Protein backbone atom coordinates (compact mmCIF):
# COMPACT_ATOMS: atom_id res chain seq x y z
CA UNK A 1 113.39 106.96 83.77
CA UNK A 2 112.71 107.57 87.43
CA UNK A 3 109.29 109.03 88.13
CA UNK A 4 107.74 110.09 91.41
CA UNK A 5 104.08 111.03 91.65
CA UNK A 6 102.58 112.34 94.89
CA UNK A 7 98.93 112.23 95.83
CA UNK A 8 96.70 112.52 98.86
CA UNK A 9 97.02 116.19 99.72
CA UNK A 10 93.90 117.85 101.10
CA UNK A 11 92.54 120.43 103.51
CA UNK A 12 92.04 119.13 107.04
CA UNK A 13 91.25 120.55 110.44
CA UNK A 14 93.85 120.76 113.22
CA UNK A 15 94.18 117.43 114.98
CA UNK A 16 93.19 115.55 111.85
CA UNK A 17 95.06 112.89 109.93
CA UNK A 18 96.11 112.46 106.33
CA UNK A 19 98.13 109.94 104.34
CA UNK A 20 100.23 111.06 101.40
CA UNK A 21 101.32 108.59 98.73
CA UNK A 22 104.37 108.68 96.48
CA UNK A 23 104.23 106.29 93.55
CA UNK A 24 107.78 105.40 92.54
CA UNK A 25 108.78 103.92 89.19
CA UNK A 26 112.12 103.25 87.57
CA UNK A 27 114.16 103.72 90.76
CA UNK A 28 116.70 101.00 91.61
CA UNK A 29 115.59 100.97 95.22
CA UNK A 30 117.69 98.05 96.44
CA UNK A 31 120.92 98.62 94.50
CA UNK A 32 122.73 100.12 97.49
CA UNK A 33 122.04 100.48 101.19
CA UNK A 34 122.22 104.25 100.94
CA UNK A 35 119.36 104.69 98.52
CA UNK A 36 116.46 106.49 100.08
CA UNK A 37 113.09 108.06 99.47
CA UNK A 38 112.23 111.16 101.47
CA UNK A 39 109.40 113.58 101.97
CA UNK A 40 110.10 117.30 101.96
CA UNK A 41 107.75 120.22 102.41
CA UNK A 42 107.77 123.88 101.56
CA UNK A 43 105.51 126.39 103.22
CA UNK A 44 104.78 129.68 101.53
CA UNK A 45 107.68 132.06 101.99
CA UNK A 46 109.92 129.45 103.57
CA UNK A 47 112.69 127.16 102.41
CA UNK A 48 111.99 123.55 101.60
CA UNK A 49 112.71 121.26 104.55
CA UNK A 50 113.10 117.54 105.05
CA UNK A 51 110.24 115.84 106.86
CA UNK A 52 111.02 112.12 106.82
CA UNK A 53 113.33 109.67 105.09
CA UNK A 54 113.16 105.93 104.46
CA UNK A 55 116.34 104.07 103.58
CA UNK A 56 116.78 100.83 101.67
CA UNK A 57 117.77 99.23 104.97
CA UNK A 58 114.36 100.05 106.42
CA UNK A 59 115.78 102.68 108.76
CA UNK A 60 113.99 106.00 109.02
CA UNK A 61 114.77 109.57 109.96
CA UNK A 62 112.36 112.33 110.94
CA UNK A 63 112.47 116.05 111.48
CA UNK A 64 112.08 116.90 115.15
CA UNK A 65 108.90 118.83 114.39
CA UNK A 66 107.08 115.71 113.18
CA UNK A 67 108.52 112.95 115.36
CA UNK A 68 105.77 110.97 116.99
CA UNK A 69 103.16 112.35 114.60
CA UNK A 70 104.34 111.33 111.13
CA UNK A 71 105.31 107.87 109.87
CA UNK A 72 107.06 107.04 106.61
CA UNK A 73 106.60 103.57 105.19
CA UNK A 74 106.74 101.61 101.98
CA UNK A 75 104.50 99.09 100.32
CA UNK A 76 106.97 97.03 98.34
CA UNK A 77 104.26 95.34 96.36
CA UNK A 78 103.33 98.51 94.52
CA UNK A 79 106.46 100.62 95.01
CA UNK A 80 104.60 103.27 96.92
CA UNK A 81 106.04 105.28 99.79
CA UNK A 82 103.55 106.68 102.28
CA UNK A 83 103.61 109.50 104.77
CA UNK A 84 101.03 108.99 107.49
CA UNK A 85 100.41 112.29 109.24
CA UNK A 86 98.53 112.44 112.53
CA UNK A 87 97.65 115.28 114.89
CA UNK A 88 98.13 117.79 112.12
CA UNK A 89 98.85 121.40 113.05
CA UNK A 90 98.46 124.63 111.10
CA UNK A 91 102.25 124.81 110.83
CA UNK A 92 102.18 121.57 108.82
CA UNK A 93 100.54 123.49 105.99
CA UNK A 94 102.83 123.23 102.97
CA UNK A 95 103.41 121.71 99.57
CA UNK A 96 104.75 118.21 100.17
CA UNK A 97 107.24 116.60 97.81
CA UNK A 98 108.74 113.16 97.64
CA UNK A 99 112.30 112.73 96.45
CA UNK A 100 114.60 109.83 95.60
CA UNK A 101 118.27 110.03 96.44
CA UNK A 102 121.04 110.04 93.89
CA UNK A 103 122.34 106.50 93.67
CA UNK A 104 124.86 105.73 96.38
CA UNK A 105 124.72 109.21 97.89
CA UNK A 106 125.63 109.46 101.57
CA UNK A 107 124.88 113.16 101.99
CA UNK A 108 122.73 113.90 105.04
CA UNK A 109 119.11 113.16 104.28
CA UNK A 110 118.01 116.73 105.05
CA UNK A 111 120.16 118.11 102.22
CA UNK A 112 118.29 118.61 98.97
CA UNK A 113 121.46 117.93 96.98
CA UNK A 114 121.26 114.31 98.07
CA UNK A 115 118.23 113.85 95.83
CA UNK A 116 118.25 113.62 92.09
CA UNK A 117 114.57 112.94 91.48
CA UNK A 118 111.55 114.91 92.64
CA UNK A 119 107.81 114.68 92.32
CA UNK A 120 105.53 117.58 91.45
CA UNK A 121 104.16 118.04 94.96
CA UNK A 122 100.81 117.75 96.71
CA UNK A 123 99.26 120.49 98.86
CA UNK A 124 98.38 119.97 102.51
CA UNK A 125 96.41 122.69 104.27
CA UNK A 126 95.60 122.54 107.99
CA UNK A 127 93.10 125.14 109.18
């Protein structure tokens, strides 16, 4: 079974930094080039939105709102995907989720229907 477990959420002041972790197990990461792990977030009263995506190839995608501030990366040794967040702003406040794509899916990374596996979320508050 595929399992995703997020951690690292916290309350921070504007301008601060935080690193979220997504522990991934059971996911056939390297089976196809289109497999991907992404971070999404959902602020209160708003729709869930894609934040960053890391593909099997090592390529990445970011939402415009976080480019230059957030970095997605993977530690292959322990199958953990990280989201390094710098220069945090109050508008970054949200529940953050990691998600693993359905195997072989080529749907745009921002589309939730690309992903078949989700973690339970970790809260980030910037104030």
